[in-house]
Amino acid sequence: MQTGAFRSKSFGSHADTDMFTISVNASFVSSYYYADRTFFPANNNEMTFTRSLLDLKKFFKRGMRRSYPGRFTGDTGITCRAAYLGTYSDYERSHAGHNPVHSVMVIPRNTSAYGTDFTRTINFFKTYLNMPEDPENRGYGMYTSTQVNQWWSEPT
């Protein structure tokens, strides 16, 4: 979402064929390339590469189905509410216009209260991967057995 190519279009208007150039550093290569050689280059010296939106979506689907909530849902058939990949939860905090009665866990969406805002990440999963948000609107993804099983049956 940080690339000029992504930012050049309005959110939700990207096509699966849109291409994005990704640049990483050597630390990223040593930490993450091994985890998904389908997505990351086979050559560790290749730190700039191009992928389509479809490639990115498949990458995230593989990650979600391999994650704990993805495996739990796939194995049990029980819908699971969990943080979207790349996000985390924190206790709900007061901020301008919002004073929670009970402190529950939420995915941060207010920079002044939490130091980060995952709104764009949450919207990416909802918009481009059709992954619903929890009905309480706390920023969690809904891992459903139907969707997880679909991810397992899709070609990588």
N, C-alpha and C. Protein backbone atom coordinates (compact mmCIF):
# COMPACT_ATOMS: atom_id res chain seq x y z
N MET A 1 0.82 -1.19 0.00
CA MET A 1 0.00 0.00 0.00
C MET A 1 0.86 1.25 0.00
N GLN A 2 2.16 1.09 0.24
CA GLN A 2 3.05 2.24 0.30
C GLN A 2 3.61 2.61 -1.07
N THR A 3 3.46 1.73 -2.06
CA THR A 3 4.05 2.00 -3.37
C THR A 3 3.30 3.09 -4.11
N GLY A 4 4.02 3.79 -4.98
CA GLY A 4 3.38 4.81 -5.80
C GLY A 4 2.31 4.21 -6.70
N ALA A 5 2.55 2.99 -7.19
CA ALA A 5 1.59 2.33 -8.07
C ALA A 5 0.27 2.07 -7.33
N PHE A 6 0.33 1.68 -6.07
CA PHE A 6 -0.90 1.44 -5.31
C PHE A 6 -1.59 2.76 -5.02
N ARG A 7 -0.83 3.76 -4.61
CA ARG A 7 -1.41 5.05 -4.23
C ARG A 7 -1.94 5.84 -5.43
N SER A 8 -1.53 5.44 -6.64
CA SER A 8 -1.96 6.18 -7.83
C SER A 8 -3.42 5.94 -8.19
N LYS A 9 -4.03 4.92 -7.61
CA LYS A 9 -5.44 4.62 -7.87
C LYS A 9 -6.23 4.76 -6.58
N SER A 10 -7.52 4.99 -6.72
CA SER A 10 -8.36 5.07 -5.52
C SER A 10 -8.51 3.68 -4.92
N PHE A 11 -8.62 3.64 -3.61
CA PHE A 11 -8.72 2.39 -2.87
C PHE A 11 -9.93 1.60 -3.37
N GLY A 12 -9.72 0.33 -3.68
CA GLY A 12 -10.79 -0.54 -4.14
C GLY A 12 -10.90 -0.62 -5.65
N SER A 13 -10.12 0.21 -6.36
CA SER A 13 -10.23 0.22 -7.83
C SER A 13 -9.11 -0.58 -8.51
N HIS A 14 -8.22 -1.17 -7.75
CA HIS A 14 -7.10 -1.93 -8.33
C HIS A 14 -7.59 -3.24 -8.93
N ALA A 15 -6.92 -3.64 -10.03
CA ALA A 15 -7.23 -4.90 -10.70
C ALA A 15 -6.17 -5.94 -10.33
N ASP A 16 -6.53 -7.20 -10.44
CA ASP A 16 -5.58 -8.28 -10.14
C ASP A 16 -4.33 -8.21 -11.00
N THR A 17 -4.42 -7.58 -12.16
CA THR A 17 -3.27 -7.48 -13.07
C THR A 17 -2.36 -6.29 -12.77
N ASP A 18 -2.76 -5.40 -11.87
CA ASP A 18 -1.91 -4.26 -11.51
C ASP A 18 -0.61 -4.77 -10.90
N MET A 19 0.50 -4.15 -11.30
CA MET A 19 1.82 -4.59 -10.86
C MET A 19 2.41 -3.60 -9.85
N PHE A 20 3.13 -4.17 -8.86
CA PHE A 20 3.73 -3.37 -7.80
C PHE A 20 5.18 -3.79 -7.61
N THR A 21 6.06 -2.80 -7.56
CA THR A 21 7.48 -3.06 -7.33
C THR A 21 7.75 -2.96 -5.83
N ILE A 22 8.36 -3.99 -5.30
CA ILE A 22 8.62 -4.09 -3.86
C ILE A 22 10.13 -4.09 -3.66
N SER A 23 10.60 -3.24 -2.77
CA SER A 23 12.03 -3.19 -2.42
C SER A 23 12.19 -3.45 -0.94
N VAL A 24 13.12 -4.33 -0.60
CA VAL A 24 13.38 -4.68 0.80
C VAL A 24 14.87 -4.59 1.06
N ASN A 25 15.24 -4.68 2.33
CA ASN A 25 16.66 -4.66 2.69
C ASN A 25 17.15 -6.07 3.03
N ALA A 26 18.45 -6.20 3.24
CA ALA A 26 19.05 -7.52 3.51
C ALA A 26 18.51 -8.15 4.78
N SER A 27 18.20 -7.34 5.78
CA SER A 27 17.63 -7.87 7.02
C SER A 27 16.27 -8.51 6.75
N PHE A 28 15.46 -7.87 5.93
CA PHE A 28 14.16 -8.43 5.57
C PHE A 28 14.34 -9.75 4.84
N VAL A 29 15.28 -9.78 3.90
CA VAL A 29 15.55 -11.00 3.13
C VAL A 29 15.86 -12.16 4.06
N SER A 30 16.79 -11.94 4.99
CA SER A 30 17.20 -13.04 5.89
C SER A 30 16.10 -13.43 6.87
N SER A 31 15.20 -12.51 7.16
CA SER A 31 14.13 -12.81 8.11
C SER A 31 12.90 -13.45 7.48
N TYR A 32 12.61 -13.15 6.21
CA TYR A 32 11.31 -13.54 5.66
C TYR A 32 11.31 -14.32 4.34
N TYR A 33 12.33 -14.20 3.53
CA TYR A 33 12.28 -14.85 2.22
C TYR A 33 12.06 -16.36 2.33
N TYR A 34 12.66 -17.00 3.30
CA TYR A 34 12.54 -18.45 3.43
C TYR A 34 11.09 -18.89 3.67
N ALA A 35 10.27 -18.02 4.21
CA ALA A 35 8.92 -18.40 4.63
C ALA A 35 7.96 -18.64 3.46
N ASP A 36 8.24 -18.04 2.30
CA ASP A 36 7.34 -18.23 1.17
C ASP A 36 8.09 -17.99 -0.13
N ARG A 37 8.75 -19.02 -0.62
CA ARG A 37 9.53 -18.91 -1.86
C ARG A 37 8.63 -18.86 -3.09
N THR A 38 7.36 -19.09 -2.94
CA THR A 38 6.44 -18.89 -4.06
C THR A 38 6.29 -17.40 -4.35
N PHE A 39 6.32 -16.60 -3.30
CA PHE A 39 6.15 -15.15 -3.45
C PHE A 39 7.48 -14.43 -3.55
N PHE A 40 8.39 -14.73 -2.63
CA PHE A 40 9.68 -14.03 -2.60
C PHE A 40 10.64 -14.63 -3.62
N PRO A 41 11.60 -13.84 -4.13
CA PRO A 41 12.55 -14.35 -5.12
C PRO A 41 13.37 -15.52 -4.58
N ALA A 42 13.76 -16.42 -5.48
CA ALA A 42 14.59 -17.56 -5.11
C ALA A 42 16.01 -17.11 -4.79
N ASN A 43 16.42 -16.01 -5.36
CA ASN A 43 17.76 -15.47 -5.17
C ASN A 43 17.73 -14.44 -4.04
N ASN A 44 18.43 -14.70 -2.95
CA ASN A 44 18.45 -13.79 -1.81
C ASN A 44 19.09 -12.44 -2.12
N ASN A 45 19.82 -12.34 -3.23
CA ASN A 45 20.42 -11.06 -3.60
C ASN A 45 19.44 -10.16 -4.34
N GLU A 46 18.30 -10.70 -4.70
CA GLU A 46 17.27 -9.93 -5.40
C GLU A 46 16.38 -9.25 -4.36
N MET A 47 16.63 -7.96 -4.14
CA MET A 47 15.91 -7.23 -3.10
C MET A 47 14.87 -6.27 -3.66
N THR A 48 14.74 -6.23 -4.96
CA THR A 48 13.67 -5.49 -5.62
C THR A 48 13.02 -6.43 -6.61
N PHE A 49 11.69 -6.57 -6.50
CA PHE A 49 10.97 -7.49 -7.38
C PHE A 49 9.57 -6.94 -7.61
N THR A 50 8.91 -7.44 -8.63
CA THR A 50 7.59 -6.96 -9.01
C THR A 50 6.58 -8.10 -8.90
N ARG A 51 5.42 -7.79 -8.33
CA ARG A 51 4.35 -8.77 -8.20
C ARG A 51 3.02 -8.10 -8.54
N SER A 52 2.09 -8.90 -9.03
CA SER A 52 0.75 -8.40 -9.33
C SER A 52 -0.10 -8.39 -8.06
N LEU A 53 -1.22 -7.69 -8.13
CA LEU A 53 -2.15 -7.71 -7.00
C LEU A 53 -2.62 -9.14 -6.75
N LEU A 54 -2.84 -9.91 -7.82
CA LEU A 54 -3.23 -11.30 -7.65
C LEU A 54 -2.16 -12.08 -6.89
N ASP A 55 -0.88 -11.86 -7.21
CA ASP A 55 0.21 -12.51 -6.47
C ASP A 55 0.17 -12.13 -4.99
N LEU A 56 -0.07 -10.85 -4.72
CA LEU A 56 -0.15 -10.38 -3.33
C LEU A 56 -1.33 -11.03 -2.60
N LYS A 57 -2.47 -11.11 -3.27
CA LYS A 57 -3.64 -11.72 -2.65
C LYS A 57 -3.38 -13.19 -2.33
N LYS A 58 -2.76 -13.91 -3.25
CA LYS A 58 -2.43 -15.32 -3.01
C LYS A 58 -1.46 -15.46 -1.84
N PHE A 59 -0.49 -14.55 -1.76
CA PHE A 59 0.48 -14.55 -0.67
C PHE A 59 -0.23 -14.39 0.67
N PHE A 60 -1.14 -13.44 0.76
CA PHE A 60 -1.88 -13.23 2.01
C PHE A 60 -2.79 -14.41 2.33
N LYS A 61 -3.42 -14.98 1.34
CA LYS A 61 -4.28 -16.15 1.58
C LYS A 61 -3.47 -17.32 2.11
N ARG A 62 -2.27 -17.55 1.54
CA ARG A 62 -1.40 -18.62 2.06
C ARG A 62 -1.04 -18.35 3.51
N GLY A 63 -0.70 -17.10 3.81
CA GLY A 63 -0.36 -16.75 5.19
C GLY A 63 -1.52 -16.93 6.14
N MET A 64 -2.71 -16.54 5.71
CA MET A 64 -3.88 -16.65 6.59
C MET A 64 -4.28 -18.10 6.80
N ARG A 65 -4.20 -18.91 5.77
CA ARG A 65 -4.58 -20.31 5.97
C ARG A 65 -3.55 -21.08 6.78
N ARG A 66 -2.30 -20.61 6.79
CA ARG A 66 -1.24 -21.24 7.59
C ARG A 66 -1.20 -20.71 9.02
N SER A 67 -1.87 -19.60 9.27
CA SER A 67 -1.85 -18.98 10.61
C SER A 67 -2.68 -19.80 11.59
N TYR A 68 -2.52 -19.52 12.86
CA TYR A 68 -3.29 -20.24 13.88
C TYR A 68 -4.79 -20.13 13.64
N PRO A 69 -5.36 -18.92 13.45
CA PRO A 69 -6.81 -18.87 13.25
C PRO A 69 -7.25 -19.57 11.97
N GLY A 70 -6.43 -19.51 10.92
CA GLY A 70 -6.76 -20.21 9.69
C GLY A 70 -6.78 -21.71 9.87
N ARG A 71 -5.77 -22.23 10.56
CA ARG A 71 -5.71 -23.67 10.82
C ARG A 71 -6.83 -24.10 11.76
N PHE A 72 -7.07 -23.32 12.81
CA PHE A 72 -8.12 -23.65 13.77
C PHE A 72 -9.47 -23.75 13.06
N THR A 73 -9.78 -22.72 12.26
CA THR A 73 -11.05 -22.70 11.55
C THR A 73 -11.15 -23.85 10.55
N GLY A 74 -10.07 -24.07 9.81
CA GLY A 74 -10.08 -25.15 8.83
C GLY A 74 -10.23 -26.52 9.47
N ASP A 75 -9.60 -26.72 10.62
CA ASP A 75 -9.64 -28.02 11.30
C ASP A 75 -10.93 -28.27 12.06
N THR A 76 -11.55 -27.20 12.58
CA THR A 76 -12.72 -27.39 13.44
C THR A 76 -14.04 -26.97 12.78
N GLY A 77 -13.96 -26.13 11.77
CA GLY A 77 -15.18 -25.61 11.17
C GLY A 77 -15.80 -24.48 11.97
N ILE A 78 -15.13 -24.06 13.03
CA ILE A 78 -15.63 -22.99 13.90
C ILE A 78 -15.08 -21.65 13.41
N THR A 79 -15.97 -20.66 13.26
CA THR A 79 -15.54 -19.32 12.86
C THR A 79 -14.66 -18.74 13.95
N CYS A 80 -13.58 -18.10 13.53
CA CYS A 80 -12.62 -17.54 14.48
C CYS A 80 -12.46 -16.05 14.20
N ARG A 81 -12.44 -15.26 15.26
CA ARG A 81 -12.15 -13.83 15.16
C ARG A 81 -10.71 -13.63 15.61
N ALA A 82 -9.92 -13.05 14.74
CA ALA A 82 -8.50 -12.84 15.05
C ALA A 82 -7.99 -11.64 14.27
N ALA A 83 -6.87 -11.12 14.69
CA ALA A 83 -6.25 -9.99 14.01
C ALA A 83 -5.92 -10.37 12.58
N TYR A 84 -6.11 -9.43 11.67
CA TYR A 84 -5.67 -9.62 10.28
C TYR A 84 -4.15 -9.72 10.30
N LEU A 85 -3.58 -10.40 9.30
CA LEU A 85 -2.13 -10.48 9.19
C LEU A 85 -1.54 -9.08 9.16
N GLY A 86 -0.46 -8.88 9.88
CA GLY A 86 0.20 -7.58 9.89
C GLY A 86 -0.35 -6.60 10.90
N THR A 87 -1.33 -7.03 11.70
CA THR A 87 -1.89 -6.17 12.74
C THR A 87 -1.73 -6.85 14.10
N TYR A 88 -2.09 -6.15 15.14
CA TYR A 88 -2.08 -6.72 16.49
C TYR A 88 -3.16 -6.04 17.31
N SER A 89 -3.46 -6.62 18.44
CA SER A 89 -4.49 -6.03 19.30
C SER A 89 -3.87 -5.35 20.51
N ASP A 90 -4.65 -4.48 21.12
CA ASP A 90 -4.23 -3.76 22.31
C ASP A 90 -5.51 -3.48 23.11
N TYR A 91 -5.35 -3.16 24.37
CA TYR A 91 -6.52 -2.81 25.16
C TYR A 91 -7.09 -1.49 24.67
N GLU A 92 -8.39 -1.42 24.59
CA GLU A 92 -9.07 -0.22 24.13
C GLU A 92 -8.72 0.95 25.05
N ARG A 93 -8.46 2.09 24.46
CA ARG A 93 -8.07 3.29 25.21
C ARG A 93 -8.99 4.45 24.89
N SER A 94 -9.05 5.37 25.82
CA SER A 94 -9.82 6.60 25.60
C SER A 94 -9.06 7.50 24.64
N HIS A 95 -9.80 8.17 23.79
CA HIS A 95 -9.24 9.20 22.92
C HIS A 95 -10.36 10.14 22.55
N ALA A 96 -10.06 11.21 21.88
CA ALA A 96 -11.04 12.25 21.56
C ALA A 96 -12.31 11.65 20.97
N GLY A 97 -13.42 11.89 21.63
CA GLY A 97 -14.71 11.40 21.16
C GLY A 97 -15.00 9.95 21.49
N HIS A 98 -14.13 9.32 22.24
CA HIS A 98 -14.33 7.90 22.56
C HIS A 98 -13.85 7.62 23.99
N ASN A 99 -14.76 7.20 24.83
CA ASN A 99 -14.43 6.87 26.21
C ASN A 99 -15.02 5.50 26.53
N PRO A 100 -14.23 4.42 26.40
CA PRO A 100 -14.79 3.08 26.61
C PRO A 100 -15.18 2.83 28.06
N VAL A 101 -16.29 2.15 28.24
CA VAL A 101 -16.76 1.78 29.58
C VAL A 101 -15.97 0.58 30.09
N HIS A 102 -15.75 -0.40 29.23
CA HIS A 102 -14.99 -1.60 29.58
C HIS A 102 -13.79 -1.69 28.66
N SER A 103 -12.65 -2.00 29.21
CA SER A 103 -11.44 -2.11 28.41
C SER A 103 -11.39 -3.50 27.77
N VAL A 104 -11.62 -3.56 26.47
CA VAL A 104 -11.56 -4.81 25.71
C VAL A 104 -10.44 -4.70 24.68
N MET A 105 -10.09 -5.81 24.08
CA MET A 105 -9.04 -5.81 23.07
C MET A 105 -9.60 -5.34 21.73
N VAL A 106 -8.85 -4.48 21.06
CA VAL A 106 -9.22 -3.96 19.74
C VAL A 106 -7.96 -3.91 18.87
N ILE A 107 -8.16 -3.83 17.58
CA ILE A 107 -7.05 -3.58 16.67
C ILE A 107 -6.91 -2.06 16.58
N PRO A 108 -5.73 -1.51 16.89
CA PRO A 108 -5.57 -0.05 16.92
C PRO A 108 -5.92 0.62 15.60
N ARG A 109 -6.74 1.68 15.71
CA ARG A 109 -7.13 2.48 14.55
C ARG A 109 -7.14 3.96 14.90
N ASN A 110 -6.25 4.35 15.80
CA ASN A 110 -6.16 5.75 16.19
C ASN A 110 -4.72 6.03 16.60
N THR A 111 -4.02 6.80 15.78
CA THR A 111 -2.60 7.06 16.03
C THR A 111 -2.37 7.79 17.35
N SER A 112 -3.23 8.73 17.70
CA SER A 112 -3.01 9.50 18.93
C SER A 112 -3.18 8.62 20.17
N ALA A 113 -4.06 7.64 20.12
CA ALA A 113 -4.29 6.78 21.29
C ALA A 113 -3.32 5.60 21.35
N TYR A 114 -2.98 5.03 20.18
CA TYR A 114 -2.20 3.78 20.16
C TYR A 114 -0.83 3.91 19.53
N GLY A 115 -0.58 5.01 18.85
CA GLY A 115 0.69 5.17 18.15
C GLY A 115 0.68 4.54 16.77
N THR A 116 -0.42 3.93 16.39
CA THR A 116 -0.55 3.32 15.06
C THR A 116 -2.02 3.27 14.66
N ASP A 117 -2.23 3.13 13.37
CA ASP A 117 -3.58 3.07 12.82
C ASP A 117 -3.61 2.02 11.72
N PHE A 118 -4.29 0.92 11.96
CA PHE A 118 -4.35 -0.19 11.01
C PHE A 118 -5.58 -0.12 10.09
N THR A 119 -6.22 1.03 10.00
CA THR A 119 -7.42 1.16 9.18
C THR A 119 -7.18 0.72 7.75
N ARG A 120 -6.11 1.19 7.12
CA ARG A 120 -5.84 0.84 5.72
C ARG A 120 -5.60 -0.66 5.57
N THR A 121 -4.91 -1.28 6.51
CA THR A 121 -4.66 -2.72 6.45
C THR A 121 -5.97 -3.49 6.56
N ILE A 122 -6.79 -3.11 7.52
CA ILE A 122 -8.09 -3.76 7.70
C ILE A 122 -8.93 -3.60 6.44
N ASN A 123 -8.96 -2.40 5.89
CA ASN A 123 -9.74 -2.16 4.67
C ASN A 123 -9.20 -2.94 3.48
N PHE A 124 -7.87 -3.15 3.43
CA PHE A 124 -7.29 -3.96 2.36
C PHE A 124 -7.85 -5.38 2.41
N PHE A 125 -7.83 -5.99 3.58
CA PHE A 125 -8.34 -7.36 3.71
C PHE A 125 -9.83 -7.43 3.41
N LYS A 126 -10.57 -6.46 3.87
CA LYS A 126 -12.02 -6.44 3.62
C LYS A 126 -12.32 -6.22 2.14
N THR A 127 -11.60 -5.32 1.50
CA THR A 127 -11.88 -4.93 0.12
C THR A 127 -11.32 -5.92 -0.90
N TYR A 128 -10.06 -6.29 -0.74
CA TYR A 128 -9.40 -7.09 -1.78
C TYR A 128 -9.45 -8.59 -1.53
N LEU A 129 -9.71 -9.00 -0.30
CA LEU A 129 -9.76 -10.43 0.01
C LEU A 129 -11.14 -10.87 0.50
N ASN A 130 -12.07 -9.93 0.51
CA ASN A 130 -13.45 -10.22 0.95
C ASN A 130 -13.51 -10.90 2.31
N MET A 131 -12.63 -10.49 3.18
CA MET A 131 -12.60 -11.06 4.53
C MET A 131 -13.34 -10.11 5.46
N PRO A 132 -14.45 -10.54 6.01
CA PRO A 132 -15.26 -9.62 6.82
C PRO A 132 -14.59 -9.24 8.14
N GLU A 133 -15.02 -8.10 8.64
CA GLU A 133 -14.58 -7.63 9.96
C GLU A 133 -15.60 -8.12 10.99
N ASP A 134 -15.15 -8.26 12.21
CA ASP A 134 -16.04 -8.72 13.28
C ASP A 134 -17.24 -7.79 13.42
N PRO A 135 -18.40 -8.32 13.79
CA PRO A 135 -19.61 -7.50 13.85
C PRO A 135 -19.57 -6.40 14.91
N GLU A 136 -18.67 -6.50 15.89
CA GLU A 136 -18.55 -5.46 16.91
C GLU A 136 -17.68 -4.30 16.42
N ASN A 137 -17.12 -4.43 15.20
CA ASN A 137 -16.30 -3.38 14.60
C ASN A 137 -15.06 -3.06 15.44
N ARG A 138 -14.42 -4.10 15.95
CA ARG A 138 -13.20 -3.92 16.75
C ARG A 138 -11.93 -4.16 15.94
N GLY A 139 -12.09 -4.38 14.63
CA GLY A 139 -10.93 -4.49 13.74
C GLY A 139 -10.43 -5.90 13.52
N TYR A 140 -11.12 -6.90 14.03
CA TYR A 140 -10.69 -8.29 13.85
C TYR A 140 -11.26 -8.87 12.57
N GLY A 141 -10.49 -9.76 11.96
CA GLY A 141 -10.97 -10.49 10.80
C GLY A 141 -11.79 -11.68 11.23
N MET A 142 -12.74 -12.04 10.37
CA MET A 142 -13.57 -13.22 10.62
C MET A 142 -13.05 -14.34 9.72
N TYR A 143 -12.44 -15.33 10.32
CA TYR A 143 -11.96 -16.51 9.60
C TYR A 143 -13.10 -17.51 9.60
N THR A 144 -13.74 -17.72 8.44
CA THR A 144 -14.85 -18.67 8.35
C THR A 144 -14.37 -19.94 7.68
N SER A 145 -14.97 -21.05 8.04
CA SER A 145 -14.55 -22.33 7.46
C SER A 145 -14.77 -22.35 5.95
N THR A 146 -15.82 -21.73 5.46
CA THR A 146 -16.07 -21.69 4.02
C THR A 146 -14.93 -20.98 3.31
N GLN A 147 -14.53 -19.83 3.82
CA GLN A 147 -13.47 -19.07 3.17
C GLN A 147 -12.12 -19.76 3.29
N VAL A 148 -11.80 -20.27 4.47
CA VAL A 148 -10.51 -20.95 4.67
C VAL A 148 -10.42 -22.18 3.77
N ASN A 149 -11.51 -22.95 3.68
CA ASN A 149 -11.50 -24.12 2.80
C ASN A 149 -11.35 -23.72 1.34
N GLN A 150 -11.93 -22.59 0.97
CA GLN A 150 -11.76 -22.08 -0.40
C GLN A 150 -10.29 -21.73 -0.64
N TRP A 151 -9.64 -21.08 0.34
CA TRP A 151 -8.23 -20.74 0.20
C TRP A 151 -7.38 -21.99 0.02
N TRP A 152 -7.71 -23.07 0.75
CA TRP A 152 -6.95 -24.32 0.63
C TRP A 152 -7.11 -24.93 -0.75
N SER A 153 -8.29 -24.76 -1.36
CA SER A 153 -8.52 -25.41 -2.65
C SER A 153 -8.02 -24.57 -3.83
N GLU A 154 -7.69 -23.30 -3.60
CA GLU A 154 -7.20 -22.45 -4.69
C GLU A 154 -5.76 -22.80 -5.03
N PRO A 155 -5.43 -22.72 -6.30
CA PRO A 155 -4.01 -22.95 -6.69
C PRO A 155 -3.13 -21.83 -6.15
N THR A 156 -1.95 -22.18 -5.74
CA THR A 156 -1.03 -21.17 -5.21
C THR A 156 -0.33 -20.49 -6.34
